[in-house]
Protein backbone atom coordinates (compact mmCIF):
# COMPACT_ATOMS: atom_id res chain seq x y z
CA MET A 1 111.03 135.93 9.82
CA PRO A 2 109.51 136.07 13.30
CA THR A 3 111.30 137.96 16.04
CA GLY A 4 111.15 137.58 19.79
CA GLN A 5 113.19 137.20 22.93
CA VAL A 6 114.93 134.35 24.67
CA LYS A 7 112.56 133.23 27.42
CA TRP A 8 115.15 130.87 28.88
CA TYR A 9 117.96 128.66 27.64
CA ASP A 10 119.88 125.89 29.40
CA ALA A 11 123.32 125.49 27.79
CA ASP A 12 124.01 122.24 29.67
CA LYS A 13 120.86 120.61 28.28
CA GLY A 14 121.18 122.33 24.90
CA PHE A 15 117.66 123.72 24.59
CA GLY A 16 115.30 126.43 25.70
CA PHE A 17 112.35 128.55 24.60
CA LEU A 18 111.90 131.75 22.66
CA SER A 19 108.88 133.98 23.15
CA GLN A 20 107.42 135.38 19.94
CA GLU A 21 106.05 138.89 19.69
CA ASP A 22 102.90 137.54 18.03
CA GLY A 23 102.37 133.94 19.02
CA PRO A 24 103.16 131.06 21.32
CA ASP A 25 106.57 130.19 22.73
CA VAL A 26 108.91 128.30 20.40
CA TYR A 27 111.26 125.46 21.36
CA VAL A 28 114.91 126.05 20.41
CA ARG A 29 117.72 123.49 20.27
CA ALA A 30 121.46 124.12 20.28
CA GLU A 31 121.69 123.10 16.61
CA ALA A 32 119.61 126.16 15.64
CA LEU A 33 122.06 128.62 17.21
CA PRO A 34 124.48 130.64 15.06
CA ALA A 35 127.93 129.17 14.48
CA GLY A 36 130.19 129.78 17.49
CA THR A 37 127.28 130.45 19.85
CA THR A 38 126.91 127.94 22.68
CA ALA A 39 124.23 129.64 24.75
CA LEU A 40 121.55 132.31 24.68
CA LYS A 41 121.05 134.89 27.41
CA THR A 42 117.57 135.41 28.76
CA GLY A 43 116.07 138.54 27.26
CA ALA A 44 118.27 138.63 24.14
CA ARG A 45 116.34 139.70 21.03
CA VAL A 46 116.43 137.12 18.26
CA GLU A 47 115.13 136.44 14.79
CA PHE A 48 114.36 132.87 13.79
CA GLY A 49 112.60 130.62 11.35
CA ILE A 50 109.91 128.23 12.54
CA VAL A 51 109.35 124.63 11.55
CA GLN A 52 106.55 122.38 12.77
CA GLY A 53 107.98 119.59 14.93
CA ARG A 54 106.32 116.53 16.47
CA LYS A 55 105.63 118.45 19.67
CA GLY A 56 104.95 121.90 18.24
CA ASP A 57 106.83 124.81 16.77
CA GLN A 58 110.65 124.70 16.76
CA ALA A 59 113.05 127.52 16.03
CA LEU A 60 115.32 127.22 13.04
CA GLN A 61 118.37 129.34 12.16
CA VAL A 62 118.35 131.65 15.18
CA ARG A 63 120.04 135.01 14.65
CA LEU A 64 120.92 137.37 17.50
CA LEU A 65 119.60 140.87 16.83
CA ASP A 66 121.07 142.71 19.79
CA PRO A 67 122.73 140.58 22.45
CA VAL A 68 121.86 141.47 26.04
CA THR A 69 124.68 143.16 27.92
CA SER A 70 125.52 141.84 31.32
CA VAL A 71 123.70 143.73 34.06
CA SER A 72 126.43 143.03 36.60
CA ARG A 73 129.10 144.28 34.18
CA SER A 74 127.13 147.50 33.58
CA GLN A 75 126.69 148.01 37.31
CA SER A 76 130.36 147.37 38.07
CA GLN A 77 131.40 149.82 35.33
CA ALA A 78 129.13 152.46 36.88
CA ARG A 79 130.78 151.93 40.28
CA ARG A 80 134.32 152.25 38.92
CA LYS A 81 136.40 155.13 40.20
CA SER A 82 137.66 157.69 37.70
CA PRO A 83 141.22 157.30 36.38
CA GLU A 84 142.20 160.54 38.17
CA ASP A 85 140.98 159.14 41.51
CA MET A 86 142.77 155.85 40.87
CA ALA A 87 146.06 157.63 40.12
CA VAL A 88 145.95 159.34 43.54
CA ILE A 89 145.07 156.06 45.30
CA VAL A 90 147.92 154.18 43.58
CA GLU A 91 150.43 156.94 44.37
CA ASP A 92 149.38 156.97 48.05
CA LEU A 93 149.61 153.20 48.21
CA ILE A 94 153.10 153.29 46.71
CA GLY A 95 154.13 155.67 49.51
CA LEU A 96 152.72 153.31 52.15
CA LEU A 97 154.46 150.31 50.56
CA ASP A 98 157.76 152.23 50.43
CA GLY A 99 157.48 152.73 54.20
CA ILE A 100 156.84 149.04 54.77
CA GLY A 101 159.69 148.13 52.42
CA GLU A 102 162.04 150.38 54.38
CA GLY A 103 161.16 148.49 57.56
CA TYR A 104 161.94 145.18 55.84
CA ARG A 105 165.30 146.59 54.69
CA HIS A 106 166.07 147.17 58.38
CA ASN A 107 165.08 143.60 59.19
CA ARG A 108 161.72 144.54 60.81
CA HIS A 109 158.27 143.26 60.08
CA PRO A 110 155.53 145.90 60.15
CA ASP A 111 153.32 145.95 63.21
CA SER A 112 149.73 144.81 62.73
CA LYS A 113 148.36 148.34 63.20
CA ALA A 114 150.28 149.49 60.12
CA ALA A 115 150.07 146.28 58.08
CA LYS A 116 146.34 145.60 58.31
CA PRO A 117 145.16 148.88 56.68
CA VAL A 118 147.74 148.50 53.91
CA ALA A 119 146.57 144.92 53.28
CA ASN A 120 142.96 146.15 53.09
CA LEU A 121 143.99 148.86 50.63
CA LEU A 122 145.79 146.30 48.47
CA ARG A 123 142.68 144.11 48.40
CA ALA A 124 140.49 147.08 47.49
CA LEU A 125 142.89 148.12 44.72
CA ALA A 126 142.97 144.56 43.36
CA ALA A 127 139.15 144.45 43.30
CA GLU A 128 139.03 147.79 41.47
CA LEU A 129 141.58 146.61 38.91
CA GLU A 130 139.56 143.44 38.21
CA LEU A 131 136.41 145.38 37.25
């Protein structure tokens, strides 16, 4: 079976092209994808059969060899803080929130000088947790 890479694939239109290692590009339709697969990522290595169609070679029975990992996911994982660093950040934030909570218990809203940095820290923590 020929192998190659996904040149491009449009999931909305249900087709794309595969580039062969030794030959011309091959048209691929959604029906040729493995069961449960709705799209192909550009650059994914695939194995496929070829059948001659009216307009040239078409891929048949595409099989993913090694799916491409998301570049953005890999980059975000590399930027993640260590669990030890996160424990210190969370503990410090809890201390800040305790101080704000104490003010609320005494019927006072925090002043903007104190509230704004805490709000920024909460946003940063939320972003870190979502990675």
